[in-house]
């Protein structure tokens, strides 16, 4: 009988070399969105300052127009902010899903190499306790990163699950099988 093993899928994906590249790409997009939002916010501040500065010197009609412009720009800003948030969340969800698809064969291979019958995701399994020696997350990350380093391009075949990479931690000794 083999011990039950757990790992953190989220950690394996997040700490992988592929995730660092993906995270960098997402950060670039996030930075671009933030620059656009900052620009819009500054335009709003400028318009607000103009309304305050010219409040007494403008006709009621001109002041009313400026206030409507301000309200329209404030609404545009809020929509742009919400859209950017949604886009980034969707991008992160898609990228995480793609990375999870890539790491699953690696988890399978590492579990087979170490002779494990069951592997639980420690954050989504309902698992309340497990000894740290049963965590194979580091071995999965090491193997996944070694496969990514020599992985074919996206349009080529996925990396083979039987590539050998030393685990980050020595695996716990499995009890002898009962016949």
N, C-alpha and C. Protein backbone atom coordinates (compact mmCIF):
# COMPACT_ATOMS: atom_id res chain seq x y z
N UNK A 1 0.84 -1.17 0.00
CA UNK A 1 0.00 0.00 0.00
C UNK A 1 0.89 1.24 0.00
N UNK A 2 0.65 2.14 -0.91
CA UNK A 2 1.44 3.37 -0.98
C UNK A 2 0.78 4.48 -0.17
N UNK A 3 1.60 5.39 0.36
CA UNK A 3 1.02 6.49 1.11
C UNK A 3 0.26 7.43 0.18
N UNK A 4 -0.66 8.14 0.77
CA UNK A 4 -1.37 9.17 0.02
C UNK A 4 -0.44 10.37 -0.11
N UNK A 5 -0.46 10.99 -1.25
CA UNK A 5 0.44 12.11 -1.49
C UNK A 5 -0.39 13.34 -1.84
N UNK A 6 0.11 14.47 -1.48
CA UNK A 6 -0.57 15.71 -1.81
C UNK A 6 0.40 16.66 -2.50
N UNK A 7 -0.13 17.63 -3.15
CA UNK A 7 0.68 18.67 -3.76
C UNK A 7 -0.18 19.91 -3.88
N UNK A 8 0.43 21.00 -4.16
CA UNK A 8 -0.31 22.23 -4.38
C UNK A 8 -0.24 22.54 -5.87
N UNK A 9 -1.35 22.32 -6.56
CA UNK A 9 -1.40 22.61 -8.00
C UNK A 9 -1.13 24.09 -8.23
N UNK A 10 -1.74 24.92 -7.40
CA UNK A 10 -1.56 26.36 -7.56
C UNK A 10 -0.09 26.74 -7.38
N UNK A 11 0.58 26.19 -6.39
CA UNK A 11 2.00 26.48 -6.17
C UNK A 11 2.83 25.94 -7.32
N UNK A 12 2.53 24.74 -7.77
CA UNK A 12 3.29 24.14 -8.87
C UNK A 12 3.19 25.00 -10.12
N UNK A 13 2.01 25.50 -10.38
CA UNK A 13 1.81 26.34 -11.55
C UNK A 13 2.43 27.72 -11.33
N UNK A 14 2.17 28.32 -10.18
CA UNK A 14 2.63 29.68 -9.92
C UNK A 14 4.14 29.80 -9.84
N UNK A 15 4.81 28.77 -9.33
CA UNK A 15 6.26 28.83 -9.14
C UNK A 15 7.04 28.30 -10.34
N UNK A 16 6.35 27.86 -11.36
CA UNK A 16 7.05 27.32 -12.52
C UNK A 16 7.65 28.44 -13.35
N UNK A 17 8.63 28.08 -14.17
CA UNK A 17 9.26 29.06 -15.06
C UNK A 17 8.24 29.60 -16.06
N UNK A 18 7.34 28.74 -16.52
CA UNK A 18 6.32 29.18 -17.48
C UNK A 18 5.42 30.23 -16.87
N UNK A 19 5.10 30.08 -15.59
CA UNK A 19 4.23 31.05 -14.92
C UNK A 19 4.92 32.40 -14.80
N UNK A 20 6.22 32.39 -14.63
CA UNK A 20 6.95 33.67 -14.54
C UNK A 20 6.84 34.44 -15.83
N UNK A 21 6.93 33.76 -16.97
CA UNK A 21 6.79 34.40 -18.27
C UNK A 21 5.37 34.93 -18.43
N UNK A 22 4.40 34.10 -18.11
CA UNK A 22 2.99 34.49 -18.21
C UNK A 22 2.71 35.67 -17.29
N UNK A 23 3.21 35.60 -16.08
CA UNK A 23 3.00 36.68 -15.12
C UNK A 23 3.60 37.99 -15.63
N UNK A 24 4.75 37.90 -16.25
CA UNK A 24 5.40 39.08 -16.81
C UNK A 24 4.54 39.69 -17.92
N UNK A 25 3.99 38.84 -18.77
CA UNK A 25 3.11 39.31 -19.85
C UNK A 25 1.87 39.99 -19.29
N UNK A 26 1.29 39.38 -18.28
CA UNK A 26 0.09 39.95 -17.66
C UNK A 26 0.43 41.28 -16.99
N UNK A 27 1.59 41.36 -16.35
CA UNK A 27 1.99 42.60 -15.70
C UNK A 27 2.18 43.72 -16.72
N UNK A 28 2.69 43.39 -17.92
CA UNK A 28 2.84 44.40 -18.97
C UNK A 28 1.48 44.94 -19.39
N UNK A 29 0.53 44.05 -19.59
CA UNK A 29 -0.83 44.46 -19.97
C UNK A 29 -1.45 45.28 -18.85
N UNK A 30 -1.26 44.83 -17.62
CA UNK A 30 -1.79 45.55 -16.47
C UNK A 30 -1.19 46.95 -16.39
N UNK A 31 0.08 47.05 -16.65
CA UNK A 31 0.76 48.35 -16.64
C UNK A 31 0.19 49.28 -17.71
N UNK A 32 -0.06 48.74 -18.90
CA UNK A 32 -0.65 49.55 -19.97
C UNK A 32 -2.04 50.04 -19.58
N UNK A 33 -2.82 49.15 -19.01
CA UNK A 33 -4.18 49.52 -18.58
C UNK A 33 -4.10 50.59 -17.50
N UNK A 34 -3.15 50.43 -16.58
CA UNK A 34 -3.01 51.40 -15.49
C UNK A 34 -2.60 52.77 -16.03
N UNK A 35 -1.72 52.79 -17.02
CA UNK A 35 -1.32 54.07 -17.63
C UNK A 35 -2.53 54.77 -18.26
N UNK A 36 -3.36 53.99 -18.97
CA UNK A 36 -4.56 54.57 -19.58
C UNK A 36 -5.50 55.11 -18.52
N UNK A 37 -5.70 54.35 -17.45
CA UNK A 37 -6.59 54.79 -16.38
C UNK A 37 -6.04 56.03 -15.66
N UNK A 38 -4.74 56.08 -15.48
CA UNK A 38 -4.13 57.25 -14.85
C UNK A 38 -4.32 58.49 -15.71
N UNK A 39 -4.16 58.31 -17.01
CA UNK A 39 -4.37 59.43 -17.94
C UNK A 39 -5.81 59.93 -17.85
N UNK A 40 -6.76 59.01 -17.85
CA UNK A 40 -8.18 59.39 -17.75
C UNK A 40 -8.47 60.08 -16.42
N UNK A 41 -7.87 59.56 -15.36
CA UNK A 41 -8.09 60.14 -14.04
C UNK A 41 -7.52 61.56 -13.97
N UNK A 42 -6.37 61.76 -14.59
CA UNK A 42 -5.78 63.11 -14.62
C UNK A 42 -6.65 64.08 -15.42
N UNK A 43 -7.23 63.59 -16.51
CA UNK A 43 -8.14 64.43 -17.30
C UNK A 43 -9.34 64.84 -16.44
N UNK A 44 -9.83 63.89 -15.65
CA UNK A 44 -10.95 64.20 -14.76
C UNK A 44 -10.56 65.26 -13.73
N UNK A 45 -9.38 65.11 -13.15
CA UNK A 45 -8.91 66.08 -12.16
C UNK A 45 -8.76 67.46 -12.79
N UNK A 46 -8.21 67.49 -14.00
CA UNK A 46 -8.04 68.78 -14.70
C UNK A 46 -9.39 69.44 -14.97
N UNK A 47 -10.35 68.64 -15.39
CA UNK A 47 -11.68 69.18 -15.66
C UNK A 47 -12.34 69.66 -14.37
N UNK A 48 -12.15 68.92 -13.30
CA UNK A 48 -12.71 69.33 -12.01
C UNK A 48 -12.08 70.64 -11.55
N UNK A 49 -10.77 70.75 -11.73
CA UNK A 49 -10.07 71.99 -11.35
C UNK A 49 -10.57 73.15 -12.20
N UNK A 50 -10.78 72.92 -13.49
CA UNK A 50 -11.29 73.95 -14.38
C UNK A 50 -12.68 74.42 -13.93
N UNK A 51 -13.51 73.49 -13.53
CA UNK A 51 -14.85 73.84 -13.05
C UNK A 51 -14.75 74.69 -11.79
N UNK A 52 -13.88 74.31 -10.87
CA UNK A 52 -13.71 75.06 -9.62
C UNK A 52 -13.13 76.45 -9.88
N UNK A 53 -12.11 76.52 -10.74
CA UNK A 53 -11.45 77.79 -11.01
C UNK A 53 -12.35 78.77 -11.76
N UNK A 54 -13.14 78.25 -12.68
CA UNK A 54 -13.95 79.12 -13.53
C UNK A 54 -15.42 79.16 -13.11
N UNK A 55 -15.72 78.62 -11.96
CA UNK A 55 -17.08 78.52 -11.48
C UNK A 55 -17.81 79.87 -11.49
N UNK A 56 -17.17 80.91 -11.02
CA UNK A 56 -17.81 82.23 -10.90
C UNK A 56 -17.74 83.04 -12.18
N UNK A 57 -16.78 82.72 -13.04
CA UNK A 57 -16.62 83.53 -14.25
C UNK A 57 -17.39 82.97 -15.46
N UNK A 58 -17.84 81.71 -15.39
CA UNK A 58 -18.56 81.11 -16.52
C UNK A 58 -20.06 81.37 -16.42
N UNK A 59 -20.68 81.40 -17.58
CA UNK A 59 -22.14 81.50 -17.58
C UNK A 59 -22.71 80.19 -17.05
N UNK A 60 -23.95 80.24 -16.65
CA UNK A 60 -24.58 79.04 -16.12
C UNK A 60 -24.62 77.93 -17.17
N UNK A 61 -24.84 78.31 -18.42
CA UNK A 61 -24.89 77.35 -19.52
C UNK A 61 -23.52 76.69 -19.74
N UNK A 62 -22.46 77.49 -19.72
CA UNK A 62 -21.10 76.96 -19.92
C UNK A 62 -20.70 76.07 -18.75
N UNK A 63 -21.05 76.48 -17.54
CA UNK A 63 -20.75 75.70 -16.35
C UNK A 63 -21.50 74.37 -16.39
N UNK A 64 -22.76 74.44 -16.80
CA UNK A 64 -23.57 73.23 -16.92
C UNK A 64 -22.94 72.26 -17.92
N UNK A 65 -22.44 72.78 -19.04
CA UNK A 65 -21.80 71.94 -20.07
C UNK A 65 -20.54 71.27 -19.50
N UNK A 66 -19.72 72.05 -18.79
CA UNK A 66 -18.51 71.49 -18.18
C UNK A 66 -18.85 70.39 -17.17
N UNK A 67 -19.88 70.60 -16.39
CA UNK A 67 -20.27 69.60 -15.40
C UNK A 67 -20.77 68.32 -16.08
N UNK A 68 -21.52 68.50 -17.18
CA UNK A 68 -21.97 67.31 -17.93
C UNK A 68 -20.79 66.58 -18.55
N UNK A 69 -19.83 67.34 -19.07
CA UNK A 69 -18.61 66.72 -19.61
C UNK A 69 -17.88 65.93 -18.52
N UNK A 70 -17.82 66.54 -17.33
CA UNK A 70 -17.16 65.88 -16.20
C UNK A 70 -17.88 64.58 -15.85
N UNK A 71 -19.19 64.62 -15.76
CA UNK A 71 -19.97 63.42 -15.43
C UNK A 71 -19.79 62.33 -16.49
N UNK A 72 -19.78 62.73 -17.76
CA UNK A 72 -19.59 61.76 -18.84
C UNK A 72 -18.20 61.13 -18.76
N UNK A 73 -17.18 61.96 -18.50
CA UNK A 73 -15.81 61.44 -18.39
C UNK A 73 -15.66 60.55 -17.14
N UNK A 74 -16.35 60.91 -16.06
CA UNK A 74 -16.30 60.10 -14.84
C UNK A 74 -16.94 58.74 -15.10
N UNK A 75 -18.03 58.72 -15.83
CA UNK A 75 -18.69 57.47 -16.18
C UNK A 75 -17.80 56.64 -17.11
N UNK A 76 -17.17 57.29 -18.08
CA UNK A 76 -16.22 56.60 -18.98
C UNK A 76 -15.07 55.98 -18.19
N UNK A 77 -14.56 56.76 -17.24
CA UNK A 77 -13.45 56.29 -16.40
C UNK A 77 -13.87 55.05 -15.62
N UNK A 78 -15.05 55.09 -15.00
CA UNK A 78 -15.53 53.95 -14.21
C UNK A 78 -15.70 52.73 -15.10
N UNK A 79 -16.26 52.92 -16.30
CA UNK A 79 -16.43 51.79 -17.23
C UNK A 79 -15.08 51.23 -17.67
N UNK A 80 -14.14 52.11 -17.98
CA UNK A 80 -12.81 51.66 -18.39
C UNK A 80 -12.13 50.90 -17.27
N UNK A 81 -12.31 51.37 -16.04
CA UNK A 81 -11.74 50.71 -14.87
C UNK A 81 -12.34 49.30 -14.71
N UNK A 82 -13.65 49.21 -14.81
CA UNK A 82 -14.33 47.91 -14.69
C UNK A 82 -13.92 46.97 -15.83
N UNK A 83 -13.85 47.50 -17.05
CA UNK A 83 -13.46 46.68 -18.21
C UNK A 83 -12.04 46.16 -18.04
N UNK A 84 -11.14 47.01 -17.59
CA UNK A 84 -9.74 46.60 -17.40
C UNK A 84 -9.66 45.50 -16.35
N UNK A 85 -10.41 45.66 -15.26
CA UNK A 85 -10.43 44.65 -14.20
C UNK A 85 -10.92 43.31 -14.74
N UNK A 86 -12.02 43.34 -15.47
CA UNK A 86 -12.58 42.11 -16.04
C UNK A 86 -11.61 41.47 -17.03
N UNK A 87 -11.01 42.28 -17.90
CA UNK A 87 -10.07 41.74 -18.89
C UNK A 87 -8.89 41.06 -18.21
N UNK A 88 -8.33 41.71 -17.20
CA UNK A 88 -7.17 41.13 -16.51
C UNK A 88 -7.54 39.85 -15.76
N UNK A 89 -8.70 39.83 -15.13
CA UNK A 89 -9.13 38.63 -14.43
C UNK A 89 -9.34 37.48 -15.42
N UNK A 90 -9.95 37.78 -16.56
CA UNK A 90 -10.18 36.75 -17.58
C UNK A 90 -8.86 36.25 -18.15
N UNK A 91 -7.94 37.16 -18.40
CA UNK A 91 -6.62 36.78 -18.91
C UNK A 91 -5.90 35.88 -17.92
N UNK A 92 -5.93 36.25 -16.65
CA UNK A 92 -5.29 35.44 -15.62
C UNK A 92 -5.94 34.06 -15.53
N UNK A 93 -7.26 34.01 -15.60
CA UNK A 93 -7.98 32.73 -15.53
C UNK A 93 -7.60 31.84 -16.72
N UNK A 94 -7.56 32.42 -17.92
CA UNK A 94 -7.19 31.63 -19.11
C UNK A 94 -5.76 31.13 -19.03
N UNK A 95 -4.85 32.00 -18.63
CA UNK A 95 -3.44 31.61 -18.54
C UNK A 95 -3.23 30.54 -17.48
N UNK A 96 -3.89 30.67 -16.34
CA UNK A 96 -3.77 29.67 -15.28
C UNK A 96 -4.32 28.34 -15.76
N UNK A 97 -5.43 28.37 -16.46
CA UNK A 97 -6.02 27.15 -17.00
C UNK A 97 -5.06 26.46 -17.97
N UNK A 98 -4.42 27.23 -18.84
CA UNK A 98 -3.46 26.66 -19.78
C UNK A 98 -2.26 26.04 -19.06
N UNK A 99 -1.76 26.73 -18.04
CA UNK A 99 -0.64 26.19 -17.28
C UNK A 99 -1.04 24.92 -16.53
N UNK A 100 -2.26 24.90 -16.00
CA UNK A 100 -2.73 23.70 -15.30
C UNK A 100 -2.78 22.51 -16.26
N UNK A 101 -3.23 22.75 -17.48
CA UNK A 101 -3.28 21.67 -18.48
C UNK A 101 -1.88 21.13 -18.76
N UNK A 102 -0.90 22.01 -18.76
CA UNK A 102 0.48 21.58 -19.04
C UNK A 102 1.10 20.84 -17.86
N UNK A 103 0.73 21.21 -16.64
CA UNK A 103 1.37 20.61 -15.47
C UNK A 103 0.74 19.28 -15.07
N UNK A 104 -0.48 19.02 -15.47
CA UNK A 104 -1.14 17.76 -15.07
C UNK A 104 -0.38 16.51 -15.52
N UNK A 105 0.12 16.44 -16.77
CA UNK A 105 0.90 15.25 -17.14
C UNK A 105 2.18 15.11 -16.31
N UNK A 106 2.73 16.22 -15.88
CA UNK A 106 3.95 16.19 -15.06
C UNK A 106 3.61 15.62 -13.68
N UNK A 107 2.49 16.04 -13.13
CA UNK A 107 2.06 15.51 -11.83
C UNK A 107 1.87 13.99 -11.95
N UNK A 108 1.24 13.57 -13.01
CA UNK A 108 1.02 12.16 -13.27
C UNK A 108 2.35 11.41 -13.34
N UNK A 109 3.30 11.96 -14.07
CA UNK A 109 4.60 11.30 -14.22
C UNK A 109 5.36 11.23 -12.90
N UNK A 110 5.37 12.32 -12.14
CA UNK A 110 6.07 12.32 -10.85
C UNK A 110 5.42 11.32 -9.90
N UNK A 111 4.11 11.27 -9.88
CA UNK A 111 3.42 10.32 -9.00
C UNK A 111 3.78 8.89 -9.39
N UNK A 112 3.81 8.59 -10.68
CA UNK A 112 4.15 7.24 -11.13
C UNK A 112 5.60 6.91 -10.80
N UNK A 113 6.51 7.88 -10.99
CA UNK A 113 7.92 7.66 -10.68
C UNK A 113 8.12 7.28 -9.22
N UNK A 114 7.32 7.90 -8.35
CA UNK A 114 7.46 7.66 -6.91
C UNK A 114 6.53 6.56 -6.40
N UNK A 115 5.75 5.99 -7.30
CA UNK A 115 4.89 4.88 -6.93
C UNK A 115 3.65 5.27 -6.13
N UNK A 116 3.13 6.45 -6.33
CA UNK A 116 1.94 6.88 -5.60
C UNK A 116 0.67 6.53 -6.37
N UNK A 117 -0.32 6.10 -5.63
CA UNK A 117 -1.60 5.74 -6.23
C UNK A 117 -2.57 6.92 -6.25
N UNK A 118 -2.49 7.77 -5.26
CA UNK A 118 -3.40 8.90 -5.14
C UNK A 118 -2.60 10.18 -4.92
N UNK A 119 -3.03 11.24 -5.58
CA UNK A 119 -2.42 12.56 -5.39
C UNK A 119 -3.56 13.54 -5.18
N UNK A 120 -3.50 14.28 -4.09
CA UNK A 120 -4.54 15.26 -3.77
C UNK A 120 -4.00 16.67 -3.95
N UNK A 121 -4.85 17.56 -4.42
CA UNK A 121 -4.53 18.98 -4.42
C UNK A 121 -4.83 19.45 -3.01
N UNK A 122 -3.81 19.84 -2.28
CA UNK A 122 -3.99 20.10 -0.85
C UNK A 122 -4.93 21.26 -0.54
N UNK A 123 -5.18 22.15 -1.50
CA UNK A 123 -6.07 23.27 -1.22
C UNK A 123 -7.50 23.04 -1.69
N UNK A 124 -7.74 21.99 -2.45
CA UNK A 124 -9.08 21.77 -2.97
C UNK A 124 -9.59 20.37 -2.68
N UNK A 125 -8.97 19.67 -1.78
CA UNK A 125 -9.35 18.28 -1.56
C UNK A 125 -10.15 18.07 -0.29
N UNK A 126 -10.27 19.08 0.52
CA UNK A 126 -10.91 18.89 1.80
C UNK A 126 -9.96 18.29 2.82
N UNK A 127 -8.70 18.15 2.44
CA UNK A 127 -7.68 17.57 3.29
C UNK A 127 -7.42 18.51 4.48
N UNK A 128 -7.49 17.99 5.66
CA UNK A 128 -7.29 18.80 6.85
C UNK A 128 -5.87 18.73 7.39
N UNK A 129 -5.20 17.61 7.17
CA UNK A 129 -3.82 17.47 7.62
C UNK A 129 -3.09 16.48 6.74
N UNK A 130 -1.84 16.77 6.49
CA UNK A 130 -0.95 15.83 5.81
C UNK A 130 0.47 16.17 6.22
N UNK A 131 1.27 15.17 6.46
CA UNK A 131 2.67 15.36 6.81
C UNK A 131 3.40 16.03 5.65
N UNK A 132 4.31 16.92 5.94
CA UNK A 132 5.06 17.65 4.90
C UNK A 132 5.84 16.72 3.97
N UNK A 133 6.22 15.56 4.45
CA UNK A 133 6.99 14.63 3.60
C UNK A 133 6.14 14.05 2.49
N UNK A 134 4.83 14.22 2.56
CA UNK A 134 3.96 13.69 1.51
C UNK A 134 3.69 14.71 0.41
N UNK A 135 4.29 15.89 0.51
CA UNK A 135 4.06 16.95 -0.48
C UNK A 135 5.06 16.81 -1.62
N UNK A 136 4.57 16.59 -2.83
CA UNK A 136 5.47 16.44 -3.97
C UNK A 136 5.46 17.67 -4.88
N UNK A 137 5.00 18.80 -4.35
CA UNK A 137 4.95 20.03 -5.13
C UNK A 137 6.31 20.41 -5.69
N UNK A 138 7.35 20.35 -4.85
CA UNK A 138 8.69 20.74 -5.31
C UNK A 138 9.18 19.84 -6.44
N UNK A 139 8.91 18.55 -6.34
CA UNK A 139 9.33 17.62 -7.40
C UNK A 139 8.59 17.93 -8.69
N UNK A 140 7.30 18.28 -8.57
CA UNK A 140 6.52 18.62 -9.76
C UNK A 140 7.06 19.90 -10.40
N UNK A 141 7.35 20.91 -9.59
CA UNK A 141 7.89 22.17 -10.12
C UNK A 141 9.21 21.93 -10.82
N UNK A 142 10.10 21.16 -10.20
CA UNK A 142 11.41 20.87 -10.79
C UNK A 142 11.26 20.17 -12.14
N UNK A 143 10.41 19.15 -12.17
CA UNK A 143 10.22 18.40 -13.41
C UNK A 143 9.55 19.26 -14.47
N UNK A 144 8.55 20.03 -14.07
CA UNK A 144 7.83 20.90 -15.01
C UNK A 144 8.79 21.93 -15.60
N UNK A 145 9.59 22.57 -14.77
CA UNK A 145 10.55 23.56 -15.26
C UNK A 145 11.58 22.94 -16.19
N UNK A 146 12.02 21.71 -15.88
CA UNK A 146 13.00 21.06 -16.77
C UNK A 146 12.36 20.73 -18.11
N UNK A 147 11.09 20.40 -18.13
CA UNK A 147 10.40 20.12 -19.39
C UNK A 147 10.14 21.39 -20.16
N UNK A 148 9.82 22.46 -19.47
CA UNK A 148 9.58 23.75 -20.13
C UNK A 148 10.86 24.25 -20.78
N UNK A 149 11.99 24.02 -20.10
CA UNK A 149 13.28 24.49 -20.62
C UNK A 149 13.61 23.85 -21.96
N UNK A 150 13.14 22.63 -22.18
CA UNK A 150 13.43 21.93 -23.44
C UNK A 150 12.14 21.66 -24.21
N UNK A 151 11.06 22.31 -23.82
CA UNK A 151 9.76 22.06 -24.44
C UNK A 151 9.72 22.58 -25.86
N UNK A 152 9.01 21.86 -26.75
CA UNK A 152 8.82 22.37 -28.11
C UNK A 152 7.90 23.57 -28.09
N UNK A 153 7.87 24.29 -29.18
CA UNK A 153 7.00 25.46 -29.28
C UNK A 153 5.55 25.03 -29.15
N UNK A 154 4.68 26.02 -28.89
CA UNK A 154 3.27 25.75 -28.63
C UNK A 154 2.59 24.97 -29.74
N UNK A 155 3.01 25.17 -31.00
CA UNK A 155 2.35 24.48 -32.10
C UNK A 155 2.89 23.06 -32.32
N UNK A 156 3.92 22.68 -31.56
CA UNK A 156 4.46 21.33 -31.64
C UNK A 156 3.84 20.47 -30.55
N UNK A 157 4.24 19.20 -30.47
CA UNK A 157 3.70 18.29 -29.47
C UNK A 157 4.05 18.75 -28.07
N UNK A 158 3.19 18.40 -27.12
CA UNK A 158 3.42 18.71 -25.72
C UNK A 158 4.61 17.90 -25.22
N UNK A 159 5.26 18.36 -24.13
CA UNK A 159 6.40 17.62 -23.59
C UNK A 159 6.00 16.24 -23.11
N UNK A 160 6.94 15.30 -23.24
CA UNK A 160 6.68 13.93 -22.82
C UNK A 160 6.69 13.87 -21.30
N UNK A 161 5.78 13.09 -20.77
CA UNK A 161 5.64 12.97 -19.32
C UNK A 161 6.70 12.05 -18.72
N UNK A 162 7.46 11.31 -19.55
CA UNK A 162 8.41 10.37 -18.99
C UNK A 162 9.83 10.92 -18.90
N UNK A 163 10.03 12.21 -19.15
CA UNK A 163 11.36 12.81 -19.04
C UNK A 163 11.82 12.69 -17.59
N UNK A 164 13.08 12.36 -17.39
CA UNK A 164 13.60 12.17 -16.03
C UNK A 164 14.21 13.47 -15.52
N UNK A 165 13.80 13.87 -14.33
CA UNK A 165 14.36 15.01 -13.64
C UNK A 165 14.42 14.64 -12.17
N UNK A 166 15.51 14.97 -11.51
CA UNK A 166 15.60 14.61 -10.10
C UNK A 166 14.59 15.42 -9.28
N UNK A 167 13.93 14.78 -8.32
CA UNK A 167 12.98 15.52 -7.49
C UNK A 167 13.72 16.52 -6.62
N UNK A 168 13.04 17.58 -6.24
CA UNK A 168 13.64 18.61 -5.40
C UNK A 168 13.92 18.06 -4.01
N UNK A 169 13.06 17.18 -3.52
CA UNK A 169 13.24 16.57 -2.21
C UNK A 169 13.25 15.06 -2.41
N UNK A 170 13.98 14.36 -1.58
CA UNK A 170 13.90 12.90 -1.70
C UNK A 170 12.50 12.44 -1.33
N UNK A 171 12.00 11.50 -2.08
CA UNK A 171 10.66 10.97 -1.84
C UNK A 171 10.69 10.08 -0.60
N UNK A 172 9.58 10.07 0.14
CA UNK A 172 9.55 9.18 1.30
C UNK A 172 9.56 7.73 0.83
N UNK A 173 10.19 6.91 1.62
CA UNK A 173 10.29 5.49 1.26
C UNK A 173 8.90 4.87 1.31
N UNK A 174 8.55 4.16 0.26
CA UNK A 174 7.24 3.50 0.19
C UNK A 174 7.32 2.18 0.93
N UNK A 175 6.29 1.84 1.68
CA UNK A 175 6.30 0.55 2.37
C UNK A 175 6.27 -0.57 1.34
N UNK A 176 6.79 -1.71 1.71
CA UNK A 176 6.80 -2.83 0.75
C UNK A 176 5.36 -3.23 0.40
N UNK A 177 5.19 -3.64 -0.85
CA UNK A 177 3.86 -4.08 -1.31
C UNK A 177 3.51 -5.42 -0.69
N UNK A 178 2.22 -5.55 -0.35
CA UNK A 178 1.75 -6.84 0.17
C UNK A 178 1.26 -7.67 -0.99
N UNK A 179 1.62 -8.91 -1.03
CA UNK A 179 1.20 -9.80 -2.12
C UNK A 179 -0.06 -10.53 -1.79
